[in-house]
Amino acid sequence: MADLRTLFRAVDELSREELKQLREYVEHRQRNAWWIVPPENLAQIAEVMRPVREAADQMSEDEINAAIDEAINEVRRERKQNPSRD
């Protein structure tokens, strides 16, 4: 957007109900974002991820679950430290 200040001023003038509607609209837009990956990039992504898949093949289910739990906890810690980034 060329003029964010104008947008911010317009948002500042909204009523509570209008702000609620705007928040719902933005959340809806974020949920419906599609990422389209060109087919030629899929092979590159698969190659980059190959070592991770190979390592995961050697892990037990408990080890995989522990790694997932650790990653989730790390994201939660980051969100607590930087709440405005959510």
PDB file of N, CA and C in Angstrom:
ATOM      1  N   MET A   1       0.852  -1.178   0.000  1.00  0.00           N
ATOM      2  CA  MET A   1       0.000   0.000   0.000  1.00  0.00           C
ATOM      3  C   MET A   1       0.887   1.227   0.000  1.00  0.00           C
ATOM      4  N   ALA A   2       0.550   2.170  -0.840  1.00  0.00           N
ATOM      5  CA  ALA A   2       1.377   3.359  -1.021  1.00  0.00           C
ATOM      6  C   ALA A   2       1.355   4.271   0.198  1.00  0.00           C
ATOM      7  N   ASP A   3       0.224   4.379   0.873  1.00  0.00           N
ATOM      8  CA  ASP A   3       0.113   5.351   1.954  1.00  0.00           C
ATOM      9  C   ASP A   3      -0.458   4.687   3.199  1.00  0.00           C
ATOM     10  N   LEU A   4       0.414   4.054   3.965  1.00  0.00           N
ATOM     11  CA  LEU A   4      -0.043   3.371   5.179  1.00  0.00           C
ATOM     12  C   LEU A   4      -0.560   4.342   6.231  1.00  0.00           C
ATOM     13  N   ARG A   5      -0.016   5.537   6.266  1.00  0.00           N
ATOM     14  CA  ARG A   5      -0.491   6.507   7.264  1.00  0.00           C
ATOM     15  C   ARG A   5      -1.975   6.806   7.068  1.00  0.00           C
ATOM     16  N   THR A   6      -2.404   6.920   5.826  1.00  0.00           N
ATOM     17  CA  THR A   6      -3.825   7.150   5.546  1.00  0.00           C
ATOM     18  C   THR A   6      -4.648   5.970   6.042  1.00  0.00           C
ATOM     19  N   LEU A   7      -4.152   4.772   5.798  1.00  0.00           N
ATOM     20  CA  LEU A   7      -4.844   3.579   6.284  1.00  0.00           C
ATOM     21  C   LEU A   7      -4.916   3.585   7.804  1.00  0.00           C
ATOM     22  N   PHE A   8      -3.808   3.882   8.470  1.00  0.00           N
ATOM     23  CA  PHE A   8      -3.795   3.907   9.933  1.00  0.00           C
ATOM     24  C   PHE A   8      -4.776   4.945  10.475  1.00  0.00           C
ATOM     25  N   ARG A   9      -4.826   6.108   9.843  1.00  0.00           N
ATOM     26  CA  ARG A   9      -5.781   7.134  10.286  1.00  0.00           C
ATOM     27  C   ARG A   9      -7.215   6.643  10.121  1.00  0.00           C
ATOM     28  N   ALA A  10      -7.486   5.973   9.008  1.00  0.00           N
ATOM     29  CA  ALA A  10      -8.836   5.446   8.780  1.00  0.00           C
ATOM     30  C   ALA A  10      -9.182   4.399   9.832  1.00  0.00           C
ATOM     31  N   VAL A  11      -8.232   3.543  10.165  1.00  0.00           N
ATOM     32  CA  VAL A  11      -8.470   2.522  11.195  1.00  0.00           C
ATOM     33  C   VAL A  11      -8.718   3.185  12.538  1.00  0.00           C
ATOM     34  N   ASP A  12      -7.967   4.237  12.856  1.00  0.00           N
ATOM     35  CA  ASP A  12      -8.147   4.947  14.124  1.00  0.00           C
ATOM     36  C   ASP A  12      -9.550   5.522  14.268  1.00  0.00           C
ATOM     37  N   GLU A  13     -10.221   5.796  13.169  1.00  0.00           N
ATOM     38  CA  GLU A  13     -11.552   6.398  13.210  1.00  0.00           C
ATOM     39  C   GLU A  13     -12.681   5.369  13.274  1.00  0.00           C
ATOM     40  N   LEU A  14     -12.341   4.091  13.201  1.00  0.00           N
ATOM     41  CA  LEU A  14     -13.373   3.049  13.208  1.00  0.00           C
ATOM     42  C   LEU A  14     -13.987   2.880  14.591  1.00  0.00           C
ATOM     43  N   SER A  15     -15.257   2.507  14.596  1.00  0.00           N
ATOM     44  CA  SER A  15     -15.931   2.183  15.855  1.00  0.00           C
ATOM     45  C   SER A  15     -15.473   0.802  16.320  1.00  0.00           C
ATOM     46  N   ARG A  16     -15.843   0.432  17.546  1.00  0.00           N
ATOM     47  CA  ARG A  16     -15.491  -0.901  18.056  1.00  0.00           C
ATOM     48  C   ARG A  16     -16.037  -2.000  17.150  1.00  0.00           C
ATOM     49  N   GLU A  17     -17.265  -1.853  16.728  1.00  0.00           N
ATOM     50  CA  GLU A  17     -17.881  -2.867  15.868  1.00  0.00           C
ATOM     51  C   GLU A  17     -17.158  -2.952  14.522  1.00  0.00           C
ATOM     52  N   GLU A  18     -16.820  -1.808  13.968  1.00  0.00           N
ATOM     53  CA  GLU A  18     -16.089  -1.805  12.699  1.00  0.00           C
ATOM     54  C   GLU A  18     -14.701  -2.425  12.859  1.00  0.00           C
ATOM     55  N   LEU A  19     -14.038  -2.145  13.992  1.00  0.00           N
ATOM     56  CA  LEU A  19     -12.735  -2.762  14.259  1.00  0.00           C
ATOM     57  C   LEU A  19     -12.861  -4.280  14.361  1.00  0.00           C
ATOM     58  N   LYS A  20     -13.926  -4.722  15.010  1.00  0.00           N
ATOM     59  CA  LYS A  20     -14.164  -6.164  15.128  1.00  0.00           C
ATOM     60  C   LYS A  20     -14.341  -6.777  13.738  1.00  0.00           C
ATOM     61  N   GLN A  21     -15.117  -6.131  12.892  1.00  0.00           N
ATOM     62  CA  GLN A  21     -15.327  -6.627  11.530  1.00  0.00           C
ATOM     63  C   GLN A  21     -14.020  -6.627  10.737  1.00  0.00           C
ATOM     64  N   LEU A  22     -13.221  -5.577  10.908  1.00  0.00           N
ATOM     65  CA  LEU A  22     -11.936  -5.508  10.217  1.00  0.00           C
ATOM     66  C   LEU A  22     -11.012  -6.628  10.681  1.00  0.00           C
ATOM     67  N   ARG A  23     -10.965  -6.864  11.988  1.00  0.00           N
ATOM     68  CA  ARG A  23     -10.124  -7.937  12.529  1.00  0.00           C
ATOM     69  C   ARG A  23     -10.555  -9.288  11.969  1.00  0.00           C
ATOM     70  N   GLU A  24     -11.850  -9.541  11.926  1.00  0.00           N
ATOM     71  CA  GLU A  24     -12.360 -10.800  11.374  1.00  0.00           C
ATOM     72  C   GLU A  24     -12.006 -10.922   9.894  1.00  0.00           C
ATOM     73  N   TYR A  25     -12.104  -9.831   9.180  1.00  0.00           N
ATOM     74  CA  TYR A  25     -11.758  -9.837   7.753  1.00  0.00           C
ATOM     75  C   TYR A  25     -10.277 -10.178   7.557  1.00  0.00           C
ATOM     76  N   VAL A  26      -9.410  -9.538   8.335  1.00  0.00           N
ATOM     77  CA  VAL A  26      -7.974  -9.788   8.205  1.00  0.00           C
ATOM     78  C   VAL A  26      -7.653 -11.229   8.575  1.00  0.00           C
ATOM     79  N   GLU A  27      -8.244 -11.733   9.648  1.00  0.00           N
ATOM     80  CA  GLU A  27      -8.012 -13.130  10.038  1.00  0.00           C
ATOM     81  C   GLU A  27      -8.490 -14.077   8.944  1.00  0.00           C
ATOM     82  N   HIS A  28      -9.616 -13.770   8.347  1.00  0.00           N
ATOM     83  CA  HIS A  28     -10.139 -14.602   7.257  1.00  0.00           C
ATOM     84  C   HIS A  28      -9.182 -14.582   6.069  1.00  0.00           C
ATOM     85  N   ARG A  29      -8.678 -13.416   5.733  1.00  0.00           N
ATOM     86  CA  ARG A  29      -7.728 -13.294   4.615  1.00  0.00           C
ATOM     87  C   ARG A  29      -6.468 -14.100   4.875  1.00  0.00           C
ATOM     88  N   GLN A  30      -5.985 -14.066   6.114  1.00  0.00           N
ATOM     89  CA  GLN A  30      -4.766 -14.799   6.447  1.00  0.00           C
ATOM     90  C   GLN A  30      -4.985 -16.305   6.346  1.00  0.00           C
ATOM     91  N   ARG A  31      -6.143 -16.773   6.742  1.00  0.00           N
ATOM     92  CA  ARG A  31      -6.433 -18.213   6.678  1.00  0.00           C
ATOM     93  C   ARG A  31      -6.527 -18.691   5.242  1.00  0.00           C
ATOM     94  N   ASN A  32      -6.963 -17.838   4.350  1.00  0.00           N
ATOM     95  CA  ASN A  32      -7.200 -18.255   2.974  1.00  0.00           C
ATOM     96  C   ASN A  32      -6.041 -17.931   2.037  1.00  0.00           C
ATOM     97  N   ALA A  33      -4.871 -17.675   2.582  1.00  0.00           N
ATOM     98  CA  ALA A  33      -3.711 -17.405   1.730  1.00  0.00           C
ATOM     99  C   ALA A  33      -3.211 -18.723   1.136  1.00  0.00           C
ATOM    100  N   TRP A  34      -3.008 -18.726  -0.154  1.00  0.00           N
ATOM    101  CA  TRP A  34      -2.506 -19.912  -0.848  1.00  0.00           C
ATOM    102  C   TRP A  34      -1.083 -19.652  -1.276  1.00  0.00           C
ATOM    103  N   TRP A  35      -0.251 -20.632  -1.087  1.00  0.00           N
ATOM    104  CA  TRP A  35       1.119 -20.559  -1.551  1.00  0.00           C
ATOM    105  C   TRP A  35       1.239 -21.494  -2.731  1.00  0.00           C
ATOM    106  N   ILE A  36       1.529 -20.952  -3.872  1.00  0.00           N
ATOM    107  CA  ILE A  36       1.679 -21.772  -5.066  1.00  0.00           C
ATOM    108  C   ILE A  36       3.172 -21.905  -5.351  1.00  0.00           C
ATOM    109  N   VAL A  37       3.640 -23.139  -5.340  1.00  0.00           N
ATOM    110  CA  VAL A  37       5.054 -23.415  -5.580  1.00  0.00           C
ATOM    111  C   VAL A  37       5.193 -23.950  -6.995  1.00  0.00           C
ATOM    112  N   PRO A  38       6.007 -23.302  -7.811  1.00  0.00           N
ATOM    113  CA  PRO A  38       6.212 -23.804  -9.171  1.00  0.00           C
ATOM    114  C   PRO A  38       6.781 -25.221  -9.137  1.00  0.00           C
ATOM    115  N   PRO A  39       6.354 -26.066 -10.071  1.00  0.00           N
ATOM    116  CA  PRO A  39       6.807 -27.466 -10.074  1.00  0.00           C
ATOM    117  C   PRO A  39       8.326 -27.617 -10.058  1.00  0.00           C
ATOM    118  N   GLU A  40       9.031 -26.735 -10.749  1.00  0.00           N
ATOM    119  CA  GLU A  40      10.492 -26.863 -10.779  1.00  0.00           C
ATOM    120  C   GLU A  40      11.109 -26.645  -9.397  1.00  0.00           C
ATOM    121  N   ASN A  41      10.416 -25.905  -8.534  1.00  0.00           N
ATOM    122  CA  ASN A  41      10.927 -25.681  -7.181  1.00  0.00           C
ATOM    123  C   ASN A  41      10.640 -26.856  -6.260  1.00  0.00           C
ATOM    124  N   LEU A  42       9.627 -27.655  -6.581  1.00  0.00           N
ATOM    125  CA  LEU A  42       9.302 -28.796  -5.734  1.00  0.00           C
ATOM    126  C   LEU A  42      10.464 -29.776  -5.658  1.00  0.00           C
ATOM    127  N   ALA A  43      11.131 -30.014  -6.770  1.00  0.00           N
ATOM    128  CA  ALA A  43      12.284 -30.921  -6.780  1.00  0.00           C
ATOM    129  C   ALA A  43      13.412 -30.360  -5.917  1.00  0.00           C
ATOM    130  N   GLN A  44      13.622 -29.054  -5.984  1.00  0.00           N
ATOM    131  CA  GLN A  44      14.666 -28.429  -5.161  1.00  0.00           C
ATOM    132  C   GLN A  44      14.325 -28.543  -3.679  1.00  0.00           C
ATOM    133  N   ILE A  45      13.070 -28.331  -3.345  1.00  0.00           N
ATOM    134  CA  ILE A  45      12.637 -28.451  -1.951  1.00  0.00           C
ATOM    135  C   ILE A  45      12.828 -29.883  -1.474  1.00  0.00           C
ATOM    136  N   ALA A  46      12.438 -30.846  -2.296  1.00  0.00           N
ATOM    137  CA  ALA A  46      12.597 -32.256  -1.933  1.00  0.00           C
ATOM    138  C   ALA A  46      14.069 -32.587  -1.693  1.00  0.00           C
ATOM    139  N   GLU A  47      14.952 -32.044  -2.521  1.00  0.00           N
ATOM    140  CA  GLU A  47      16.390 -32.311  -2.362  1.00  0.00           C
ATOM    141  C   GLU A  47      16.928 -31.696  -1.071  1.00  0.00           C
ATOM    142  N   VAL A  48      16.503 -30.485  -0.768  1.00  0.00           N
ATOM    143  CA  VAL A  48      16.942 -29.823   0.462  1.00  0.00           C
ATOM    144  C   VAL A  48      16.449 -30.593   1.687  1.00  0.00           C
ATOM    145  N   MET A  49      15.242 -31.129   1.606  1.00  0.00           N
ATOM    146  CA  MET A  49      14.639 -31.828   2.744  1.00  0.00           C
ATOM    147  C   MET A  49      15.082 -33.283   2.862  1.00  0.00           C
ATOM    148  N   ARG A  50      15.765 -33.823   1.855  1.00  0.00           N
ATOM    149  CA  ARG A  50      16.150 -35.232   1.855  1.00  0.00           C
ATOM    150  C   ARG A  50      16.922 -35.636   3.113  1.00  0.00           C
ATOM    151  N   PRO A  51      17.932 -34.876   3.557  1.00  0.00           N
ATOM    152  CA  PRO A  51      18.647 -35.280   4.774  1.00  0.00           C
ATOM    153  C   PRO A  51      17.737 -35.343   6.008  1.00  0.00           C
ATOM    154  N   VAL A  52      16.778 -34.445   6.072  1.00  0.00           N
ATOM    155  CA  VAL A  52      15.842 -34.442   7.202  1.00  0.00           C
ATOM    156  C   VAL A  52      14.979 -35.698   7.166  1.00  0.00           C
ATOM    157  N   ARG A  53      14.484 -36.035   5.977  1.00  0.00           N
ATOM    158  CA  ARG A  53      13.669 -37.253   5.852  1.00  0.00           C
ATOM    159  C   ARG A  53      14.482 -38.493   6.203  1.00  0.00           C
ATOM    160  N   GLU A  54      15.719 -38.527   5.736  1.00  0.00           N
ATOM    161  CA  GLU A  54      16.568 -39.679   6.028  1.00  0.00           C
ATOM    162  C   GLU A  54      16.843 -39.794   7.522  1.00  0.00           C
ATOM    163  N   ALA A  55      17.084 -38.672   8.178  1.00  0.00           N
ATOM    164  CA  ALA A  55      17.306 -38.693   9.627  1.00  0.00           C
ATOM    165  C   ALA A  55      16.042 -39.125  10.358  1.00  0.00           C
ATOM    166  N   ALA A  56      14.897 -38.649   9.901  1.00  0.00           N
ATOM    167  CA  ALA A  56      13.626 -39.014  10.538  1.00  0.00           C
ATOM    168  C   ALA A  56      13.338 -40.502  10.374  1.00  0.00           C
ATOM    169  N   ASP A  57      13.777 -41.077   9.263  1.00  0.00           N
ATOM    170  CA  ASP A  57      13.572 -42.514   9.052  1.00  0.00           C
ATOM    171  C   ASP A  57      14.277 -43.345  10.118  1.00  0.00           C
ATOM    172  N   GLN A  58      15.344 -42.801  10.703  1.00  0.00           N
ATOM    173  CA  GLN A  58      16.122 -43.518  11.716  1.00  0.00           C
ATOM    174  C   GLN A  58      15.601 -43.273  13.137  1.00  0.00           C
ATOM    175  N   MET A  59      14.628 -42.388  13.275  1.00  0.00           N
ATOM    176  CA  MET A  59      14.119 -42.022  14.603  1.00  0.00           C
ATOM    177  C   MET A  59      12.915 -42.870  14.977  1.00  0.00           C
ATOM    178  N   SER A  60      12.789 -43.107  16.287  1.00  0.00           N
ATOM    179  CA  SER A  60      11.599 -43.802  16.780  1.00  0.00           C
ATOM    180  C   SER A  60      10.438 -42.813  16.824  1.00  0.00           C
ATOM    181  N   GLU A  61       9.240 -43.336  16.993  1.00  0.00           N
ATOM    182  CA  GLU A  61       8.070 -42.460  17.089  1.00  0.00           C
ATOM    183  C   GLU A  61       8.187 -41.536  18.292  1.00  0.00           C
ATOM    184  N   ASP A  62       8.711 -42.047  19.409  1.00  0.00           N
ATOM    185  CA  ASP A  62       8.884 -41.211  20.598  1.00  0.00           C
ATOM    186  C   ASP A  62       9.877 -40.076  20.347  1.00  0.00           C
ATOM    187  N   GLU A  63      10.950 -40.359  19.607  1.00  0.00           N
ATOM    188  CA  GLU A  63      11.928 -39.317  19.289  1.00  0.00           C
ATOM    189  C   GLU A  63      11.315 -38.253  18.381  1.00  0.00           C
ATOM    190  N   ILE A  64      10.522 -38.682  17.428  1.00  0.00           N
ATOM    191  CA  ILE A  64       9.849 -37.735  16.535  1.00  0.00           C
ATOM    192  C   ILE A  64       8.878 -36.869  17.326  1.00  0.00           C
ATOM    193  N   ASN A  65       8.093 -37.496  18.201  1.00  0.00           N
ATOM    194  CA  ASN A  65       7.146 -36.734  19.024  1.00  0.00           C
ATOM    195  C   ASN A  65       7.876 -35.739  19.920  1.00  0.00           C
ATOM    196  N   ALA A  66       9.014 -36.139  20.482  1.00  0.00           N
ATOM    197  CA  ALA A  66       9.792 -35.235  21.333  1.00  0.00           C
ATOM    198  C   ALA A  66      10.315 -34.049  20.522  1.00  0.00           C
ATOM    199  N   ALA A  67      10.761 -34.299  19.294  1.00  0.00           N
ATOM    200  CA  ALA A  67      11.250 -33.213  18.436  1.00  0.00           C
ATOM    201  C   ALA A  67      10.121 -32.244  18.090  1.00  0.00           C
ATOM    202  N   ILE A  68       8.942 -32.779  17.819  1.00  0.00           N
ATOM    203  CA  ILE A  68       7.779 -31.930  17.521  1.00  0.00           C
ATOM    204  C   ILE A  68       7.423 -31.090  18.738  1.00  0.00           C
ATOM    205  N   ASP A  69       7.379 -31.729  19.916  1.00  0.00           N
ATOM    206  CA  ASP A  69       7.067 -30.999  21.150  1.00  0.00           C
ATOM    207  C   ASP A  69       8.083 -29.887  21.405  1.00  0.00           C
ATOM    208  N   GLU A  70       9.352 -30.178  21.171  1.00  0.00           N
ATOM    209  CA  GLU A  70      10.402 -29.178  21.365  1.00  0.00           C
ATOM    210  C   GLU A  70      10.205 -27.993  20.418  1.00  0.00           C
ATOM    211  N   ALA A  71       9.864 -28.271  19.172  1.00  0.00           N
ATOM    212  CA  ALA A  71       9.636 -27.200  18.196  1.00  0.00           C
ATOM    213  C   ALA A  71       8.432 -26.348  18.591  1.00  0.00           C
ATOM    214  N   ILE A  72       7.368 -26.991  19.035  1.00  0.00           N
ATOM    215  CA  ILE A  72       6.172 -26.251  19.468  1.00  0.00           C
ATOM    216  C   ILE A  72       6.511 -25.360  20.653  1.00  0.00           C
ATOM    217  N   ASN A  73       7.250 -25.898  21.620  1.00  0.00           N
ATOM    218  CA  ASN A  73       7.632 -25.103  22.788  1.00  0.00           C
ATOM    219  C   ASN A  73       8.500 -23.915  22.396  1.00  0.00           C
ATOM    220  N   GLU A  74       9.383 -24.100  21.439  1.00  0.00           N
ATOM    221  CA  GLU A  74      10.233 -23.002  20.976  1.00  0.00           C
ATOM    222  C   GLU A  74       9.394 -21.892  20.336  1.00  0.00           C
ATOM    223  N   VAL A  75       8.417 -22.264  19.524  1.00  0.00           N
ATOM    224  CA  VAL A  75       7.532 -21.270  18.907  1.00  0.00           C
ATOM    225  C   VAL A  75       6.760 -20.523  19.984  1.00  0.00           C
ATOM    226  N   ARG A  76       6.273 -21.238  20.977  1.00  0.00           N
ATOM    227  CA  ARG A  76       5.527 -20.581  22.062  1.00  0.00           C
ATOM    228  C   ARG A  76       6.415 -19.612  22.829  1.00  0.00           C
ATOM    229  N   ARG A  77       7.675 -20.006  23.090  1.00  0.00           N
ATOM    230  CA  ARG A  77       8.605 -19.101  23.777  1.00  0.00           C
ATOM    231  C   ARG A  77       8.835 -17.838  22.948  1.00  0.00           C
ATOM    232  N   GLU A  78       9.027 -18.004  21.654  1.00  0.00           N
ATOM    233  CA  GLU A  78       9.242 -16.846  20.780  1.00  0.00           C
ATOM    234  C   GLU A  78       8.023 -15.937  20.763  1.00  0.00           C
ATOM    235  N   ARG A  79       6.842 -16.530  20.742  1.00  0.00           N
ATOM    236  CA  ARG A  79       5.622 -15.714  20.723  1.00  0.00           C
ATOM    237  C   ARG A  79       5.445 -14.949  22.023  1.00  0.00           C
ATOM    238  N   LYS A  80       5.850 -15.544  23.143  1.00  0.00           N
ATOM    239  CA  LYS A  80       5.766 -14.829  24.421  1.00  0.00           C
ATOM    240  C   LYS A  80       6.742 -13.662  24.446  1.00  0.00           C
ATOM    241  N   GLN A  81       7.910 -13.852  23.841  1.00  0.00           N
ATOM    242  CA  GLN A  81       8.916 -12.792  23.816  1.00  0.00           C
ATOM    243  C   GLN A  81       8.549 -11.687  22.832  1.00  0.00           C
ATOM    244  N   ASN A  82       7.862 -12.030  21.754  1.00  0.00           N
ATOM    245  CA  ASN A  82       7.505 -11.074  20.699  1.00  0.00           C
ATOM    246  C   ASN A  82       6.017 -11.162  20.389  1.00  0.00           C
ATOM    247  N   PRO A  83       5.146 -10.787  21.324  1.00  0.00           N
ATOM    248  CA  PRO A  83       3.703 -10.966  21.103  1.00  0.00           C
ATOM    249  C   PRO A  83       3.151 -10.179  19.926  1.00  0.00           C
ATOM    250  N   SER A  84       3.794  -9.101  19.525  1.00  0.00           N
ATOM    251  CA  SER A  84       3.271  -8.292  18.418  1.00  0.00           C
ATOM    252  C   SER A  84       3.474  -8.953  17.068  1.00  0.00           C
ATOM    253  N   ARG A  85       4.255 -10.024  16.987  1.00  0.00           N
ATOM    254  CA  ARG A  85       4.532 -10.679  15.708  1.00  0.00           C
ATOM    255  C   ARG A  85       3.455 -11.682  15.337  1.00  0.00           C
ATOM    256  N   ASP A  86       2.516 -11.985  16.204  1.00  0.00           N
ATOM    257  CA  ASP A  86       1.441 -12.953  15.916  1.00  0.00           C
ATOM    258  C   ASP A  86       0.428 -12.369  14.985  1.00  0.00           C
TER     259      ASP A  86
END
